[in-house]
N, C-alpha and C. Protein backbone atom coordinates (compact mmCIF):
# COMPACT_ATOMS: atom_id res chain seq x y z
N MET A 1 -188.65 89.21 -110.18
CA MET A 1 -187.82 88.18 -109.42
C MET A 1 -186.80 87.48 -110.13
N LYS A 2 -185.74 87.46 -109.40
CA LYS A 2 -184.26 86.78 -110.07
C LYS A 2 -184.11 85.53 -109.21
N VAL A 3 -183.88 84.42 -110.09
CA VAL A 3 -183.37 83.33 -109.14
C VAL A 3 -181.91 82.95 -109.94
N GLN A 4 -180.99 82.45 -109.15
CA GLN A 4 -179.62 81.97 -109.48
C GLN A 4 -179.88 80.44 -109.64
N PHE A 5 -179.09 79.93 -110.43
CA PHE A 5 -178.77 78.44 -110.52
C PHE A 5 -177.41 78.11 -110.91
N ASP A 6 -176.56 77.41 -109.88
CA ASP A 6 -175.37 76.95 -110.32
C ASP A 6 -175.21 75.41 -110.14
N LYS A 7 -175.27 74.56 -111.49
CA LYS A 7 -175.36 73.32 -111.38
C LYS A 7 -174.08 72.68 -111.85
N THR A 8 -173.52 71.75 -111.47
CA THR A 8 -172.50 70.89 -112.12
C THR A 8 -173.02 69.43 -112.37
N TYR A 9 -172.76 68.79 -113.55
CA TYR A 9 -173.18 67.40 -113.68
C TYR A 9 -172.13 66.57 -114.45
N PRO A 10 -171.90 65.46 -113.96
CA PRO A 10 -170.71 64.70 -114.43
C PRO A 10 -171.50 64.14 -116.09
N MET A 11 -170.71 63.94 -117.02
CA MET A 11 -171.01 63.75 -118.30
C MET A 11 -169.94 62.13 -118.49
N PRO A 12 -170.75 61.05 -119.22
CA PRO A 12 -169.97 59.92 -119.57
C PRO A 12 -169.38 60.08 -121.16
N CYS A 13 -168.46 61.11 -121.12
CA CYS A 13 -167.96 61.23 -122.60
C CYS A 13 -166.80 62.24 -122.31
N SER A 14 -165.78 62.25 -123.36
CA SER A 14 -164.84 63.27 -123.37
C SER A 14 -165.04 64.53 -123.43
N GLU A 15 -164.07 65.42 -123.03
CA GLU A 15 -164.51 67.02 -123.24
C GLU A 15 -164.78 67.46 -124.70
N GLU A 16 -164.06 66.93 -125.59
CA GLU A 16 -164.43 67.18 -127.08
C GLU A 16 -165.54 66.87 -127.57
N VAL A 17 -166.37 65.70 -127.18
CA VAL A 17 -167.41 65.32 -127.63
C VAL A 17 -168.67 66.28 -126.95
N ALA A 18 -168.41 66.49 -125.58
CA ALA A 18 -169.47 67.40 -124.83
C ALA A 18 -169.41 68.50 -125.45
N TRP A 19 -168.28 69.30 -125.65
CA TRP A 19 -167.91 70.71 -125.94
C TRP A 19 -168.60 70.94 -127.45
N GLU A 20 -168.41 69.83 -128.31
CA GLU A 20 -168.86 69.74 -129.65
C GLU A 20 -170.50 69.81 -129.44
N PHE A 21 -171.15 69.12 -128.95
CA PHE A 21 -172.64 68.84 -128.80
C PHE A 21 -173.27 70.20 -127.87
N LEU A 22 -172.30 70.56 -127.03
CA LEU A 22 -172.80 72.11 -126.24
C LEU A 22 -173.12 73.15 -127.33
N GLN A 23 -172.27 73.27 -128.20
CA GLN A 23 -172.28 74.21 -129.19
C GLN A 23 -173.51 74.24 -130.11
N ASN A 24 -174.10 72.86 -130.14
CA ASN A 24 -175.28 72.77 -131.11
C ASN A 24 -176.61 73.29 -130.35
N VAL A 25 -177.15 74.38 -130.51
CA VAL A 25 -178.02 74.97 -129.73
C VAL A 25 -179.28 74.24 -129.87
N GLU A 26 -179.79 73.68 -131.19
CA GLU A 26 -180.97 72.97 -131.60
C GLU A 26 -180.97 71.58 -130.79
N ALA A 27 -179.70 71.00 -130.74
CA ALA A 27 -179.78 69.69 -130.00
C ALA A 27 -179.72 69.72 -128.52
N VAL A 28 -179.06 70.85 -128.19
CA VAL A 28 -179.12 70.88 -126.29
C VAL A 28 -180.52 71.32 -126.21
N ALA A 29 -181.07 72.12 -127.07
CA ALA A 29 -182.65 72.51 -126.57
C ALA A 29 -183.42 71.33 -126.43
N ALA A 30 -183.43 70.39 -127.44
CA ALA A 30 -184.01 69.04 -127.54
C ALA A 30 -183.75 68.04 -126.16
N CYS A 31 -182.80 68.44 -125.57
CA CYS A 31 -182.56 67.99 -124.23
C CYS A 31 -183.42 68.44 -123.18
N MET A 32 -184.07 69.83 -123.36
CA MET A 32 -184.58 70.41 -122.33
C MET A 32 -186.09 69.98 -122.37
N PRO A 33 -186.59 69.50 -121.33
CA PRO A 33 -188.00 69.08 -121.40
C PRO A 33 -188.88 70.32 -121.38
N GLY A 34 -189.61 70.34 -122.48
CA GLY A 34 -190.71 71.54 -122.86
C GLY A 34 -190.21 72.62 -123.66
N ALA A 35 -189.06 72.50 -124.47
CA ALA A 35 -188.18 73.50 -124.83
C ALA A 35 -188.15 72.95 -126.41
N LYS A 36 -188.34 73.87 -127.42
CA LYS A 36 -188.19 73.33 -128.70
C LYS A 36 -187.61 74.69 -129.53
N ILE A 37 -186.67 74.19 -130.44
CA ILE A 37 -186.29 75.42 -131.39
C ILE A 37 -187.25 75.49 -132.49
N THR A 38 -187.69 76.57 -132.97
CA THR A 38 -188.91 76.67 -134.01
C THR A 38 -188.22 77.21 -135.41
N GLU A 39 -187.13 78.07 -135.18
CA GLU A 39 -186.68 78.79 -136.27
C GLU A 39 -185.23 79.17 -135.92
N ARG A 40 -184.45 78.97 -136.91
CA ARG A 40 -182.81 79.30 -136.88
C ARG A 40 -182.90 80.86 -137.71
N LEU A 41 -182.61 82.04 -137.03
CA LEU A 41 -182.45 83.06 -137.45
C LEU A 41 -181.43 83.68 -138.25
N ASP A 42 -180.10 83.12 -137.62
CA ASP A 42 -178.34 83.19 -138.15
C ASP A 42 -177.97 82.26 -137.45
N ALA A 43 -176.50 82.32 -137.76
CA ALA A 43 -175.55 81.54 -137.15
C ALA A 43 -175.58 81.36 -135.62
N SER A 44 -176.09 82.54 -134.71
CA SER A 44 -176.16 82.43 -133.50
C SER A 44 -177.58 82.63 -132.79
N ARG A 45 -178.78 82.78 -133.52
CA ARG A 45 -179.88 83.34 -133.24
C ARG A 45 -180.82 82.36 -133.50
N TYR A 46 -181.87 82.08 -132.42
CA TYR A 46 -183.10 81.16 -132.81
C TYR A 46 -184.14 81.72 -132.21
N LYS A 47 -185.44 81.23 -132.82
CA LYS A 47 -186.80 81.48 -132.10
C LYS A 47 -187.05 80.23 -131.52
N GLY A 48 -187.83 80.05 -130.44
CA GLY A 48 -188.25 79.00 -129.81
C GLY A 48 -189.68 79.00 -128.97
N THR A 49 -189.93 77.80 -128.29
CA THR A 49 -190.56 77.91 -127.42
C THR A 49 -190.42 77.03 -126.15
N VAL A 50 -190.93 77.46 -124.84
CA VAL A 50 -190.88 76.61 -123.68
C VAL A 50 -192.15 76.68 -123.03
N THR A 51 -192.38 75.53 -122.52
CA THR A 51 -193.56 74.90 -121.75
C THR A 51 -193.28 74.50 -120.44
N VAL A 52 -193.82 75.07 -119.54
CA VAL A 52 -193.26 74.59 -118.04
C VAL A 52 -194.47 74.57 -117.16
N LYS A 53 -194.49 73.48 -116.27
CA LYS A 53 -195.59 73.60 -115.31
C LYS A 53 -195.15 73.92 -114.14
N VAL A 54 -195.59 74.95 -113.38
CA VAL A 54 -195.23 75.51 -111.90
C VAL A 54 -196.35 75.36 -111.17
N GLY A 55 -196.53 74.68 -110.35
CA GLY A 55 -197.60 74.26 -109.57
C GLY A 55 -198.73 74.05 -110.20
N PRO A 56 -199.71 74.70 -110.10
CA PRO A 56 -201.22 74.30 -110.66
C PRO A 56 -201.09 74.97 -112.28
N ALA A 57 -200.16 75.62 -112.60
CA ALA A 57 -200.11 76.46 -113.80
C ALA A 57 -199.33 75.88 -114.66
N THR A 58 -199.72 75.98 -116.19
CA THR A 58 -198.71 75.72 -117.16
C THR A 58 -198.44 76.93 -117.91
N MET A 59 -197.21 77.25 -118.07
CA MET A 59 -196.76 78.33 -118.88
C MET A 59 -196.06 78.12 -120.19
N SER A 60 -196.48 78.78 -121.36
CA SER A 60 -195.85 78.52 -122.46
C SER A 60 -195.16 79.82 -122.88
N PHE A 61 -193.94 79.66 -123.10
CA PHE A 61 -193.24 80.95 -123.59
C PHE A 61 -192.80 81.01 -125.04
N ARG A 62 -192.80 82.16 -125.53
CA ARG A 62 -192.07 82.26 -126.86
C ARG A 62 -191.17 83.16 -126.95
N GLY A 63 -190.24 83.08 -127.56
CA GLY A 63 -189.00 83.89 -127.60
C GLY A 63 -187.72 83.75 -128.43
N GLU A 64 -186.47 84.40 -127.95
CA GLU A 64 -185.31 84.34 -128.68
C GLU A 64 -184.24 83.65 -127.85
N VAL A 65 -183.15 82.91 -128.53
CA VAL A 65 -182.22 82.60 -127.72
C VAL A 65 -181.01 82.90 -128.82
N GLU A 66 -179.92 83.29 -127.89
CA GLU A 66 -178.70 83.93 -128.72
C GLU A 66 -177.46 83.23 -128.22
N MET A 67 -176.60 82.68 -128.97
CA MET A 67 -175.34 82.03 -128.36
C MET A 67 -174.15 83.00 -128.47
N LYS A 68 -173.59 83.40 -127.26
CA LYS A 68 -172.58 84.39 -127.46
C LYS A 68 -171.22 83.82 -126.85
N ASP A 69 -170.11 84.29 -126.95
CA ASP A 69 -168.94 84.17 -126.26
C ASP A 69 -168.45 82.81 -126.32
N ALA A 70 -168.75 82.15 -127.38
CA ALA A 70 -168.29 80.60 -127.41
C ALA A 70 -166.83 80.62 -127.64
N ASP A 71 -166.21 80.21 -126.52
CA ASP A 71 -164.61 79.90 -126.63
C ASP A 71 -164.02 78.75 -126.42
N PRO A 72 -163.55 78.12 -127.45
CA PRO A 72 -162.89 76.66 -127.65
C PRO A 72 -162.06 76.49 -126.72
N VAL A 73 -161.36 77.34 -126.38
CA VAL A 73 -159.97 77.40 -125.36
C VAL A 73 -160.59 76.79 -124.03
N THR A 74 -161.47 77.57 -123.60
CA THR A 74 -162.11 77.44 -122.02
C THR A 74 -163.35 76.41 -122.50
N ARG A 75 -163.60 76.15 -123.65
CA ARG A 75 -164.81 75.14 -123.55
C ARG A 75 -165.87 75.79 -123.00
N SER A 76 -166.19 77.26 -123.13
CA SER A 76 -167.32 77.73 -122.46
C SER A 76 -168.25 78.56 -123.58
N LEU A 77 -169.52 78.77 -123.21
CA LEU A 77 -170.14 79.87 -123.82
C LEU A 77 -171.31 80.37 -123.18
N ARG A 78 -171.89 81.52 -123.67
CA ARG A 78 -173.18 81.99 -123.09
C ARG A 78 -174.25 82.17 -123.80
N LEU A 79 -175.43 81.94 -123.28
CA LEU A 79 -176.67 81.95 -123.82
C LEU A 79 -177.54 82.94 -123.20
N LEU A 80 -178.21 83.89 -123.93
CA LEU A 80 -179.03 84.82 -123.74
C LEU A 80 -180.47 84.38 -124.24
N ALA A 81 -181.39 84.40 -123.36
CA ALA A 81 -182.96 84.20 -123.81
C ALA A 81 -183.75 84.96 -123.36
N LYS A 82 -184.80 85.37 -123.92
CA LYS A 82 -185.92 86.18 -123.37
C LYS A 82 -187.24 85.70 -124.17
N GLY A 83 -188.45 86.01 -123.58
CA GLY A 83 -189.52 85.54 -124.09
C GLY A 83 -190.68 85.96 -123.14
N THR A 84 -191.94 86.03 -123.89
CA THR A 84 -193.36 86.15 -122.98
C THR A 84 -194.01 85.17 -123.45
N ASP A 85 -195.02 84.88 -122.28
CA ASP A 85 -195.89 83.83 -122.57
C ASP A 85 -196.99 84.16 -123.49
N SER A 86 -197.81 83.05 -123.85
CA SER A 86 -198.51 83.21 -124.79
C SER A 86 -199.65 84.35 -124.49
N THR A 87 -199.95 84.49 -123.16
CA THR A 87 -201.17 85.60 -123.09
C THR A 87 -200.56 86.88 -123.03
N GLY A 88 -199.12 87.12 -122.70
CA GLY A 88 -198.42 88.45 -122.72
C GLY A 88 -198.61 88.95 -121.26
N SER A 89 -198.87 87.93 -120.17
CA SER A 89 -198.83 88.54 -119.16
C SER A 89 -197.72 88.19 -117.92
N SER A 90 -196.70 87.37 -118.80
CA SER A 90 -195.45 86.98 -118.05
C SER A 90 -194.15 87.16 -118.84
N GLY A 91 -193.33 87.31 -118.55
CA GLY A 91 -192.11 87.59 -119.16
C GLY A 91 -190.96 86.76 -118.29
N ALA A 92 -189.88 86.50 -119.29
CA ALA A 92 -188.81 85.55 -118.57
C ALA A 92 -187.51 85.93 -119.38
N SER A 93 -186.37 86.00 -118.56
CA SER A 93 -184.87 86.12 -119.44
C SER A 93 -183.99 85.31 -118.64
N MET A 94 -183.12 84.74 -119.30
CA MET A 94 -181.96 83.93 -118.85
C MET A 94 -180.94 84.14 -119.51
N ASN A 95 -179.71 84.29 -118.72
CA ASN A 95 -178.17 84.53 -118.84
C ASN A 95 -177.57 83.33 -118.28
N LEU A 96 -177.09 82.47 -119.16
CA LEU A 96 -176.79 81.24 -118.86
C LEU A 96 -175.12 81.03 -119.45
N THR A 97 -174.11 80.78 -118.37
CA THR A 97 -172.73 80.59 -118.86
C THR A 97 -172.58 79.05 -118.49
N ALA A 98 -172.12 78.41 -119.58
CA ALA A 98 -171.94 76.89 -119.54
C ALA A 98 -170.63 76.51 -120.07
N ARG A 99 -170.10 75.70 -119.59
CA ARG A 99 -168.62 75.12 -119.59
C ARG A 99 -168.60 73.68 -119.48
N ILE A 100 -167.45 73.25 -120.11
CA ILE A 100 -167.20 71.79 -119.96
C ILE A 100 -165.81 71.52 -119.32
N GLU A 101 -165.84 70.76 -118.40
CA GLU A 101 -164.42 70.89 -117.44
C GLU A 101 -163.80 69.16 -117.77
N ALA A 102 -162.62 69.07 -117.76
CA ALA A 102 -162.23 67.78 -117.87
C ALA A 102 -162.35 67.02 -116.47
N ALA A 103 -162.49 66.02 -116.51
CA ALA A 103 -162.83 64.91 -115.21
C ALA A 103 -161.81 63.63 -115.44
N ALA A 104 -161.82 62.80 -114.49
CA ALA A 104 -160.88 61.79 -114.62
C ALA A 104 -161.39 60.68 -115.65
N ALA A 105 -160.45 59.53 -115.95
CA ALA A 105 -160.83 58.56 -116.80
C ALA A 105 -161.54 58.98 -118.35
N GLY A 106 -161.11 60.16 -118.85
CA GLY A 106 -161.53 60.42 -120.23
C GLY A 106 -163.19 60.59 -120.20
N ARG A 107 -163.50 61.38 -118.98
CA ARG A 107 -165.22 62.06 -118.91
C ARG A 107 -164.84 63.40 -118.54
N CYS A 108 -165.93 63.93 -118.48
CA CYS A 108 -165.92 65.57 -118.25
C CYS A 108 -167.15 65.94 -117.51
N THR A 109 -167.36 67.01 -117.21
CA THR A 109 -168.26 67.90 -116.32
C THR A 109 -168.91 69.09 -117.08
N LEU A 110 -170.18 69.07 -116.98
CA LEU A 110 -170.97 69.99 -117.27
C LEU A 110 -171.22 71.01 -116.43
N VAL A 111 -170.64 72.37 -116.21
CA VAL A 111 -171.06 73.23 -115.46
C VAL A 111 -171.81 74.48 -116.02
N GLY A 112 -172.79 74.73 -115.12
CA GLY A 112 -173.76 75.84 -115.64
C GLY A 112 -174.04 76.86 -114.58
N ALA A 113 -173.88 78.02 -114.76
CA ALA A 113 -174.57 79.13 -113.97
C ALA A 113 -175.36 79.87 -114.59
N SER A 114 -176.55 80.50 -113.86
CA SER A 114 -177.37 81.19 -114.87
C SER A 114 -178.23 82.01 -113.89
N GLU A 115 -178.73 83.28 -114.34
CA GLU A 115 -179.70 84.22 -113.38
C GLU A 115 -180.80 84.09 -114.46
N VAL A 116 -182.08 83.77 -113.77
CA VAL A 116 -183.37 83.58 -114.42
C VAL A 116 -184.36 84.77 -113.82
N SER A 117 -184.62 85.84 -114.51
CA SER A 117 -185.75 86.89 -114.14
C SER A 117 -186.88 86.66 -114.75
N MET A 118 -188.01 86.65 -113.85
CA MET A 118 -189.14 86.40 -113.98
C MET A 118 -190.25 87.60 -113.75
N SER A 119 -191.07 87.83 -114.77
CA SER A 119 -192.27 89.21 -114.57
C SER A 119 -193.49 88.74 -114.61
N GLY A 120 -194.65 89.42 -114.10
CA GLY A 120 -195.68 89.10 -114.23
C GLY A 120 -196.03 87.94 -113.46
N LYS A 121 -197.32 87.16 -113.88
CA LYS A 121 -197.93 86.30 -113.23
C LYS A 121 -196.71 85.12 -112.96
N ALA A 122 -195.81 84.88 -113.74
CA ALA A 122 -194.68 83.91 -113.60
C ALA A 122 -194.02 84.16 -112.15
N ALA A 123 -193.68 85.39 -111.98
CA ALA A 123 -193.11 85.82 -110.92
C ALA A 123 -193.65 85.53 -109.57
N ALA A 124 -195.22 85.52 -109.52
CA ALA A 124 -195.95 85.39 -108.47
C ALA A 124 -195.76 83.75 -107.89
N PHE A 125 -195.10 83.00 -108.35
CA PHE A 125 -194.79 81.70 -107.63
C PHE A 125 -193.70 81.68 -106.91
N GLY A 126 -192.94 82.63 -107.09
CA GLY A 126 -191.82 82.62 -105.84
C GLY A 126 -190.62 82.04 -106.13
N GLY A 127 -189.39 82.20 -105.67
CA GLY A 127 -188.23 81.40 -105.68
C GLY A 127 -188.20 80.05 -105.19
N ARG A 128 -188.86 79.80 -104.27
CA ARG A 128 -188.59 78.37 -103.46
C ARG A 128 -189.18 77.44 -104.68
N MET A 129 -190.72 77.93 -105.27
CA MET A 129 -191.42 77.04 -106.05
C MET A 129 -190.69 76.91 -107.42
N MET A 130 -190.09 78.02 -107.78
CA MET A 130 -189.26 77.98 -109.22
C MET A 130 -188.04 77.08 -109.14
N ASN A 131 -187.18 77.08 -107.75
CA ASN A 131 -186.06 76.40 -107.67
C ASN A 131 -186.39 74.97 -107.70
N ALA A 132 -187.58 74.59 -107.05
CA ALA A 132 -187.91 73.12 -106.98
C ALA A 132 -188.10 72.43 -108.56
N VAL A 133 -189.10 73.28 -109.16
CA VAL A 133 -189.24 72.98 -110.67
C VAL A 133 -187.96 72.95 -111.59
N ALA A 134 -187.12 73.91 -111.21
CA ALA A 134 -185.91 73.93 -111.85
C ALA A 134 -185.12 72.87 -111.65
N ASP A 135 -184.97 72.33 -110.54
CA ASP A 135 -183.93 71.03 -110.10
C ASP A 135 -184.53 69.93 -110.71
N THR A 136 -185.94 69.77 -111.02
CA THR A 136 -186.45 68.56 -111.70
C THR A 136 -186.17 68.64 -113.14
N ILE A 137 -186.38 69.73 -113.82
CA ILE A 137 -186.37 70.22 -115.35
C ILE A 137 -184.81 69.90 -115.48
N LEU A 138 -184.04 70.58 -114.61
CA LEU A 138 -182.44 70.68 -114.93
C LEU A 138 -181.83 69.24 -114.84
N LYS A 139 -182.38 68.36 -113.95
CA LYS A 139 -182.11 66.94 -113.75
C LYS A 139 -182.38 66.23 -115.12
N GLN A 140 -183.55 66.49 -115.50
CA GLN A 140 -183.91 65.64 -116.81
C GLN A 140 -183.27 66.15 -117.92
N PHE A 141 -182.85 67.57 -117.87
CA PHE A 141 -182.09 67.80 -118.95
C PHE A 141 -180.52 67.36 -119.03
N ALA A 142 -179.81 67.35 -117.85
CA ALA A 142 -178.70 66.67 -117.67
C ALA A 142 -178.81 65.28 -118.02
N ASP A 143 -179.79 64.38 -117.94
CA ASP A 143 -179.83 63.09 -117.95
C ASP A 143 -179.99 62.98 -119.54
N ASN A 144 -180.84 63.75 -120.34
CA ASN A 144 -181.04 63.56 -121.74
C ASN A 144 -179.73 64.09 -122.45
N PHE A 145 -178.89 65.04 -122.04
CA PHE A 145 -177.65 65.43 -122.35
C PHE A 145 -176.64 64.48 -122.43
N ALA A 146 -176.67 63.82 -121.16
CA ALA A 146 -175.64 62.62 -121.06
C ALA A 146 -175.89 61.49 -121.98
N ALA A 147 -177.13 61.25 -122.08
CA ALA A 147 -177.52 60.03 -123.15
C ALA A 147 -177.10 60.68 -124.42
N GLN A 148 -177.15 61.73 -124.92
CA GLN A 148 -176.83 62.14 -126.12
C GLN A 148 -175.16 62.06 -126.48
N VAL A 149 -174.67 62.70 -125.58
CA VAL A 149 -173.15 62.51 -125.70
C VAL A 149 -172.59 61.16 -125.45
N SER A 150 -173.24 60.44 -124.76
CA SER A 150 -172.71 58.99 -124.69
C SER A 150 -172.93 58.28 -125.83
N ALA A 151 -173.91 58.52 -126.58
CA ALA A 151 -174.11 58.08 -127.81
C ALA A 151 -173.40 58.45 -128.62
N LEU A 152 -173.08 59.63 -129.07
CA LEU A 152 -172.03 60.25 -129.74
C LEU A 152 -170.65 59.64 -129.60
N GLN A 153 -170.28 59.52 -128.28
CA GLN A 153 -168.97 59.01 -127.94
C GLN A 153 -168.85 57.55 -128.47
N ALA A 154 -170.01 56.67 -128.27
CA ALA A 154 -169.99 55.52 -128.75
C ALA A 154 -169.75 55.50 -130.36
N ASN A 155 -170.63 56.04 -130.79
CA ASN A 155 -170.55 56.29 -132.34
C ASN A 155 -169.05 56.43 -132.88
N ARG A 156 -168.25 57.39 -132.20
CA ARG A 156 -167.03 57.55 -132.48
C ARG A 156 -166.21 56.46 -132.17
N ALA A 157 -166.25 55.83 -131.15
CA ALA A 157 -165.27 54.80 -130.88
C ALA A 157 -165.61 53.25 -131.43
N SER A 158 -166.82 53.25 -132.20
CA SER A 158 -167.27 52.08 -132.78
C SER A 158 -166.37 51.85 -133.99
N PRO A 159 -166.16 50.61 -134.53
CA PRO A 159 -165.40 50.26 -135.66
C PRO A 159 -166.30 50.63 -136.92
N ALA A 160 -165.60 51.00 -138.19
CA ALA A 160 -166.58 51.12 -139.42
C ALA A 160 -167.30 50.02 -139.56
N GLY A 161 -168.56 50.26 -140.11
CA GLY A 161 -169.60 49.13 -140.35
C GLY A 161 -170.61 48.89 -139.52
N ALA A 162 -170.27 49.68 -138.31
CA ALA A 162 -171.34 49.34 -137.05
C ALA A 162 -172.42 50.49 -136.99
N GLY A 163 -172.33 51.34 -137.75
CA GLY A 163 -173.29 52.37 -137.66
C GLY A 163 -174.58 52.36 -137.67
N GLU A 164 -175.15 51.12 -138.20
CA GLU A 164 -176.66 50.71 -138.20
C GLU A 164 -177.00 50.44 -136.95
N LEU A 165 -176.21 49.66 -136.23
CA LEU A 165 -176.39 49.28 -134.93
C LEU A 165 -176.42 50.43 -133.94
N ASN A 166 -175.41 51.15 -134.08
CA ASN A 166 -175.21 52.35 -133.14
C ASN A 166 -176.66 53.45 -133.37
N GLY A 167 -176.78 53.69 -134.67
CA GLY A 167 -178.23 54.23 -134.93
C GLY A 167 -179.38 54.05 -134.16
N LEU A 168 -179.62 52.45 -134.14
CA LEU A 168 -180.49 51.87 -133.28
C LEU A 168 -180.32 52.33 -131.98
N ALA A 169 -179.22 52.09 -131.39
CA ALA A 169 -178.80 52.54 -130.12
C ALA A 169 -179.16 53.59 -129.76
N LEU A 170 -178.90 54.69 -130.43
CA LEU A 170 -179.17 56.13 -130.11
C LEU A 170 -180.65 56.39 -130.20
N ALA A 171 -181.27 55.88 -131.25
CA ALA A 171 -182.80 55.84 -131.14
C ALA A 171 -183.47 55.27 -129.97
N TRP A 172 -183.06 54.09 -129.47
CA TRP A 172 -183.59 53.71 -128.35
C TRP A 172 -183.09 54.35 -127.08
N THR A 173 -181.93 55.03 -127.07
CA THR A 173 -181.62 55.83 -125.84
C THR A 173 -182.51 57.10 -125.76
N ILE A 174 -182.52 57.84 -126.97
CA ILE A 174 -183.54 58.83 -126.97
C ILE A 174 -185.16 58.50 -126.65
N PHE A 175 -185.49 57.27 -127.13
CA PHE A 175 -186.86 56.89 -126.69
C PHE A 175 -187.08 56.63 -125.33
N ARG A 176 -186.01 55.99 -124.65
CA ARG A 176 -185.88 55.61 -123.24
C ARG A 176 -186.11 56.99 -122.47
N ASN A 177 -185.32 57.53 -122.82
CA ASN A 177 -185.31 58.97 -121.83
C ASN A 177 -186.59 59.84 -122.04
N TRP A 178 -187.06 59.48 -123.28
CA TRP A 178 -188.35 60.36 -123.42
C TRP A 178 -189.31 59.86 -122.73
N LEU A 179 -189.43 58.40 -122.46
CA LEU A 179 -190.20 57.90 -121.58
C LEU A 179 -190.03 58.19 -120.21
N ARG A 180 -188.80 58.09 -119.71
CA ARG A 180 -188.35 58.43 -118.18
C ARG A 180 -188.91 59.79 -117.80
N GLY A 181 -188.57 60.53 -119.05
CA GLY A 181 -189.06 62.24 -118.71
C GLY A 181 -190.53 62.29 -118.49
N LEU A 182 -190.99 61.53 -119.44
CA LEU A 182 -192.77 61.44 -119.31
C LEU A 182 -193.25 61.12 -118.20
N PHE A 183 -192.77 60.05 -117.53
CA PHE A 183 -193.17 59.50 -116.33
C PHE A 183 -192.69 59.99 -115.00
N SER A 184 -191.50 60.61 -115.14
CA SER A 184 -190.81 61.35 -114.13
C SER A 184 -191.81 62.56 -113.81
N SER A 185 -191.91 63.37 -115.02
CA SER A 185 -192.64 64.74 -114.84
C SER A 185 -193.96 64.35 -114.13
N LYS A 186 -194.49 63.47 -114.36
CA LYS A 186 -196.25 63.15 -113.62
C LYS A 186 -196.04 62.76 -112.34
N SER A 187 -194.92 62.35 -111.70
CA SER A 187 -194.61 61.86 -110.43
C SER A 187 -194.18 63.20 -109.56
N ALA A 188 -193.51 64.05 -110.10
CA ALA A 188 -193.01 65.06 -109.63
C ALA A 188 -194.10 66.03 -109.16
């Protein structure tokens, strides 16, 4: 089963800040609910895990992510990911192209297009349920990404000597978004 996703999210920062953050696969993965980078294999390849709840089932996947085709001129990159669930009964792969586009007033937009392929038990849930789960997860991801780049933008704009306050603001933002994700996932 294959599912296509095309999403656009406004970001509260400049193109430069969002592009810099987008290239940090470990930081971007931390924005994705249930995702975790467990090992860096080289400059562009990582091992990681993703846990996702689809209907009554919770699936945990282990696999690899590779960043390809990073282009600073177009501020775009491609991520290829593949993995299997912990029981070996399901597989998943993703081909994601993401780019940062300029927007008005010094802001930007995160644009993503991906194709996700599922096999085994994971494919049995069907495209409609996968779309609903993906919409929820991607909204949480976009909120977390926006909080991170907003904090980075604030740190760059602040005068010297304000680093401690901004560090506290960043920690609070991360904690607040974690709580928001925790409670919003239970109500979804």
